[in-house]
Amino acid sequence: MSLKGRHALVTGGGRGIGAAISASLAAAGAEVTVLGRTRRSLDAMVEAGKAHRAITADVTDGEALAAAVAAAGPIDILVNNAGGAETAPFLKSGRDLYERMMALNLYSAVAATQAALPALKASQHGRIVMIASTAALKGYPYVSAYCAAKHAVLGLTRSLALELAATSVTVNAICPGYTETDMLQDSIALIMEKTGRSAEAARASLVAANPQKRAIDPAEVANAVLWLCSEGAASVTGQAIAIAGGEVM
């Protein structure tokens, strides 16, 4: 699946799922710009040949994000990967928590997409991929704000897919289950702190809902993104693709 001649922008592209996606797109021949807050990790991607250009921006700052997307130049592929979760019981989840989760997971995707859309529509093979979560497809306890934000991302995906259906731009969401990233390690550490469980027991509790009883490899998510960006997926739009070992069907 060659993406030679296409320019891809990946938010949160310096580590975890974003780094795997960036490397996969670059290996397929795309020119890849990685965007994030931490310059060191972004530069490391460029130095390793897994990206071609790095731009720093806080995705929760809409104006700064829009300026960064503009600075990247015209793109053919936008991967809205930046996101994160905070844990709290519902009664202790204040408006500020909901606002942070919406800013990080939803509004960042809105701002980046609005900034990139003119170029994507001008491209003959525009692609928008939202990295959502199984939290966009089901509920999880103690992360109501995160689930609400990811459900909103999926609603955005479906609405935008219909709005752009008459163009060459497709819009899809990838919904990974628990994936081998820093976020997973943070969740394991929190469970250990709160419950006294071992790391092995904490991990087992997180992947218990996955029938394969394992965490997802970031490369598995990247492979799905690569396919969505290929010519073979030109008629695939408005979809939520779960990469979760059968957790969601």
Protein backbone atom coordinates (compact mmCIF):
# COMPACT_ATOMS: atom_id res chain seq x y z
CA MET A 1 0.00 0.00 0.00
CA SER A 2 2.11 2.85 -1.28
CA LEU A 3 1.41 6.35 0.01
CA LYS A 4 4.24 7.92 -1.93
CA GLY A 5 3.60 11.58 -2.69
CA ARG A 6 1.11 12.06 0.12
CA HIS A 7 1.61 14.26 3.15
CA ALA A 8 0.32 13.01 6.50
CA LEU A 9 -0.04 14.93 9.75
CA VAL A 10 -0.29 12.91 12.98
CA THR A 11 -1.19 14.66 16.21
CA GLY A 12 0.34 13.16 19.31
CA GLY A 13 2.79 11.53 16.93
CA GLY A 14 5.80 11.34 19.23
CA ARG A 15 4.95 8.26 21.26
CA GLY A 16 2.62 5.32 21.75
CA ILE A 17 -0.04 4.74 19.12
CA GLY A 18 0.80 8.01 17.36
CA ALA A 19 4.46 7.01 16.95
CA ALA A 20 3.46 3.61 15.55
CA ILE A 21 1.07 5.26 13.07
CA SER A 22 3.69 7.79 11.99
CA ALA A 23 6.30 5.09 11.43
CA SER A 24 3.84 2.97 9.44
CA LEU A 25 2.81 5.84 7.18
CA ALA A 26 6.44 6.84 6.62
CA ALA A 27 7.38 3.26 5.77
CA ALA A 28 4.59 3.28 3.16
CA GLY A 29 6.19 6.29 1.48
CA ALA A 30 4.18 9.17 2.94
CA GLU A 31 5.84 12.40 4.00
CA VAL A 32 4.96 12.51 7.70
CA THR A 33 4.70 15.53 9.98
CA VAL A 34 4.39 14.71 13.68
CA LEU A 35 2.78 17.23 16.01
CA GLY A 36 2.83 17.27 19.79
CA ARG A 37 3.95 19.10 22.92
CA THR A 38 7.25 17.33 23.62
CA ARG A 39 9.96 18.38 21.20
CA ARG A 40 12.40 15.67 22.25
CA SER A 41 10.14 12.76 21.36
CA LEU A 42 9.09 14.39 18.09
CA ASP A 43 12.70 15.05 17.07
CA ALA A 44 13.56 11.46 17.95
CA MET A 45 10.96 10.29 15.43
CA VAL A 46 12.55 12.43 12.72
CA GLU A 47 16.07 11.32 13.62
CA ALA A 48 14.99 7.67 13.46
CA GLY A 49 13.50 8.17 9.98
CA LYS A 50 9.99 7.50 11.25
CA ALA A 51 8.81 11.01 10.40
CA HIS A 52 10.09 13.84 8.23
CA ARG A 53 9.13 16.97 10.15
CA ALA A 54 8.21 17.88 13.71
CA ILE A 55 5.96 20.70 14.89
CA THR A 56 5.21 21.53 18.51
CA ALA A 57 1.81 22.71 19.70
CA ASP A 58 -0.57 22.18 22.59
CA VAL A 59 -3.61 20.55 20.99
CA THR A 60 -5.89 22.00 23.67
CA ASP A 61 -5.02 25.51 22.41
CA GLY A 62 -7.24 25.79 19.36
CA GLU A 63 -5.53 28.83 17.85
CA ALA A 64 -2.04 27.40 18.34
CA LEU A 65 -3.12 24.08 16.88
CA ALA A 66 -4.69 25.71 13.83
CA ALA A 67 -1.49 27.72 13.27
CA ALA A 68 0.62 24.57 13.56
CA VAL A 69 -1.54 22.70 11.05
CA ALA A 70 -1.23 25.65 8.67
CA ALA A 71 2.54 25.68 9.15
CA ALA A 72 2.72 22.02 8.17
CA GLY A 73 1.48 22.92 4.69
CA PRO A 74 -1.14 21.15 2.57
CA ILE A 75 -1.83 17.61 3.73
CA ASP A 76 -3.58 14.58 2.27
CA ILE A 77 -3.96 12.61 5.50
CA LEU A 78 -4.91 13.83 8.96
CA VAL A 79 -4.69 11.46 11.91
CA ASN A 80 -6.27 12.95 15.03
CA ASN A 81 -4.48 10.79 17.55
CA ALA A 82 -3.79 13.15 20.46
CA GLY A 83 -5.87 12.34 23.52
CA GLY A 84 -5.83 11.12 27.07
CA ALA A 85 -7.91 9.97 30.02
CA GLU A 86 -8.35 10.99 33.64
CA THR A 87 -9.95 8.71 36.21
CA ALA A 88 -12.49 9.74 38.87
CA PRO A 89 -15.82 8.50 40.26
CA PHE A 90 -18.74 10.27 38.64
CA LEU A 91 -19.68 12.23 41.77
CA LYS A 92 -16.13 13.54 41.96
CA SER A 93 -15.99 14.41 38.26
CA GLY A 94 -16.50 18.15 38.14
CA ARG A 95 -17.14 20.37 35.17
CA ASP A 96 -13.42 21.14 34.97
CA LEU A 97 -12.64 17.45 34.40
CA TYR A 98 -15.26 17.21 31.67
CA GLU A 99 -13.92 20.35 30.04
CA ARG A 100 -10.35 18.99 30.09
CA MET A 101 -11.44 15.72 28.54
CA MET A 102 -13.49 17.45 25.86
CA ALA A 103 -10.66 19.87 25.08
CA LEU A 104 -8.06 17.14 24.78
CA ASN A 105 -10.08 14.47 22.99
CA LEU A 106 -12.80 16.29 21.03
CA TYR A 107 -12.02 19.97 20.54
CA SER A 108 -8.48 19.19 19.44
CA ALA A 109 -9.85 16.98 16.65
CA VAL A 110 -12.34 19.68 15.68
CA ALA A 111 -9.67 22.39 15.50
CA ALA A 112 -7.17 20.29 13.56
CA THR A 113 -9.81 19.07 11.11
CA GLN A 114 -11.19 22.54 10.45
CA ALA A 115 -7.69 23.85 9.81
CA ALA A 116 -6.76 20.97 7.49
CA LEU A 117 -10.05 20.48 5.66
CA PRO A 118 -9.54 22.90 2.73
CA ALA A 119 -6.33 21.09 1.76
CA LEU A 120 -7.89 17.67 2.35
CA LYS A 121 -10.80 18.56 0.04
CA ALA A 122 -8.36 19.79 -2.60
CA SER A 123 -6.52 16.46 -2.43
CA GLN A 124 -7.73 13.65 -4.63
CA HIS A 125 -7.43 11.18 -1.77
CA GLY A 126 -8.08 13.04 1.46
CA ARG A 127 -8.23 10.92 4.59
CA ILE A 128 -9.25 11.81 8.15
CA VAL A 129 -8.72 9.16 10.80
CA MET A 130 -9.84 9.70 14.38
CA ILE A 131 -8.15 7.56 17.00
CA ALA A 132 -11.08 7.08 19.33
CA SER A 133 -11.29 4.11 21.73
CA THR A 134 -13.58 1.28 22.68
CA ALA A 135 -14.73 4.00 25.11
CA ALA A 136 -16.47 5.52 22.07
CA LEU A 137 -18.51 2.31 21.70
CA LYS A 138 -19.28 1.30 25.30
CA GLY A 139 -19.04 2.59 28.84
CA TYR A 140 -16.34 2.07 31.44
CA PRO A 141 -16.62 2.91 35.15
CA TYR A 142 -14.69 5.84 36.63
CA VAL A 143 -13.95 7.47 33.26
CA SER A 144 -17.32 9.01 32.44
CA ALA A 145 -15.78 12.24 31.14
CA TYR A 146 -13.37 10.36 28.89
CA CYS A 147 -16.15 8.10 27.58
CA ALA A 148 -18.37 11.11 26.92
CA ALA A 149 -15.61 12.81 24.95
CA LYS A 150 -14.80 9.71 22.90
CA HIS A 151 -18.49 9.12 22.15
CA ALA A 152 -18.54 12.71 20.89
CA VAL A 153 -15.53 12.00 18.66
CA LEU A 154 -17.45 9.14 17.07
CA GLY A 155 -20.49 11.36 16.54
CA LEU A 156 -18.22 13.92 14.87
CA THR A 157 -16.76 11.18 12.66
CA ARG A 158 -20.13 9.98 11.44
CA SER A 159 -21.55 13.46 10.83
CA LEU A 160 -18.44 14.68 9.01
CA ALA A 161 -18.33 11.53 6.89
CA LEU A 162 -21.82 12.28 5.58
CA GLU A 163 -21.05 15.95 5.05
CA LEU A 164 -17.96 15.08 2.99
CA ALA A 165 -19.34 12.01 1.20
CA ALA A 166 -19.60 13.83 -2.13
CA THR A 167 -15.90 14.73 -1.97
CA SER A 168 -12.85 12.47 -2.10
CA VAL A 169 -12.38 12.79 1.69
CA THR A 170 -13.20 9.83 3.92
CA VAL A 171 -13.62 10.07 7.69
CA ASN A 172 -13.30 7.07 9.98
CA ALA A 173 -12.58 6.21 13.59
CA ILE A 174 -10.29 3.53 14.94
CA CYS A 175 -11.37 2.29 18.38
CA PRO A 176 -8.57 0.41 20.16
CA GLY A 177 -9.01 -1.44 23.41
CA TYR A 178 -6.31 -1.26 26.08
CA THR A 179 -3.07 -0.81 24.15
CA GLU A 180 0.57 -1.16 25.16
CA THR A 181 1.23 2.53 25.77
CA ASP A 182 2.15 4.89 28.58
CA MET A 183 -1.58 5.29 29.27
CA LEU A 184 -1.86 1.56 29.98
CA GLN A 185 1.13 1.69 32.32
CA ASP A 186 -0.42 4.66 34.13
CA SER A 187 -3.67 2.70 34.56
CA ILE A 188 -1.79 -0.29 35.94
CA ALA A 189 0.11 1.92 38.38
CA LEU A 190 -3.13 3.56 39.56
CA ILE A 191 -4.80 0.19 40.19
CA MET A 192 -1.75 -0.98 42.13
CA GLU A 193 -1.84 2.19 44.23
CA LYS A 194 -5.58 2.05 44.93
CA THR A 195 -5.99 -1.69 45.45
CA GLY A 196 -2.60 -3.09 46.41
CA ARG A 197 -2.73 -5.56 43.53
CA SER A 198 0.41 -6.72 41.77
CA ALA A 199 1.26 -5.36 38.33
CA GLU A 200 0.28 -8.71 36.81
CA ALA A 201 -3.10 -8.73 38.55
CA ALA A 202 -3.75 -5.11 37.61
CA ARG A 203 -2.96 -5.81 33.96
CA ALA A 204 -5.17 -8.91 33.99
CA SER A 205 -8.09 -6.87 35.29
CA LEU A 206 -7.75 -4.38 32.45
CA VAL A 207 -7.58 -6.92 29.64
CA ALA A 208 -10.22 -9.24 31.16
CA ALA A 209 -12.94 -7.88 28.85
CA ASN A 210 -10.82 -8.70 25.77
CA PRO A 211 -11.63 -12.28 24.73
CA GLN A 212 -8.02 -12.65 23.58
CA LYS A 213 -6.92 -11.69 27.09
CA ARG A 214 -4.14 -9.38 25.94
CA ALA A 215 -3.36 -5.74 25.34
CA ILE A 216 -3.30 -4.43 21.78
CA ASP A 217 0.03 -3.83 20.05
CA PRO A 218 0.25 -0.22 18.73
CA ALA A 219 1.36 -1.67 15.39
CA GLU A 220 -2.04 -3.34 15.05
CA VAL A 221 -3.71 0.06 15.28
CA ALA A 222 -1.20 1.52 12.83
CA ASN A 223 -1.95 -1.23 10.31
CA ALA A 224 -5.64 -0.36 10.38
CA VAL A 225 -4.86 3.32 9.85
CA LEU A 226 -2.58 2.46 6.94
CA TRP A 227 -5.36 0.51 5.27
CA LEU A 228 -7.87 3.33 5.72
CA CYS A 229 -5.40 5.68 4.05
CA SER A 230 -4.97 3.39 1.04
CA GLU A 231 -6.82 3.55 -2.27
CA GLY A 232 -8.49 0.25 -1.41
CA ALA A 233 -10.46 1.93 1.38
CA ALA A 234 -11.85 4.77 -0.75
CA SER A 235 -15.45 3.66 -0.14
CA VAL A 236 -14.99 3.14 3.61
CA THR A 237 -16.27 6.17 5.49
CA GLY A 238 -18.19 6.92 8.68
CA GLN A 239 -17.02 3.68 10.26
CA ALA A 240 -15.89 2.83 13.79
CA ILE A 241 -13.38 0.00 13.57
CA ALA A 242 -12.69 -1.73 16.87
CA ILE A 243 -9.19 -3.13 17.38
CA ALA A 244 -9.98 -4.92 20.59
CA GLY A 245 -9.76 -8.70 20.28
CA GLY A 246 -13.52 -9.11 20.11
CA GLU A 247 -14.34 -6.93 23.15
CA VAL A 248 -16.84 -4.96 21.05
CA MET A 249 -18.87 -6.60 18.26
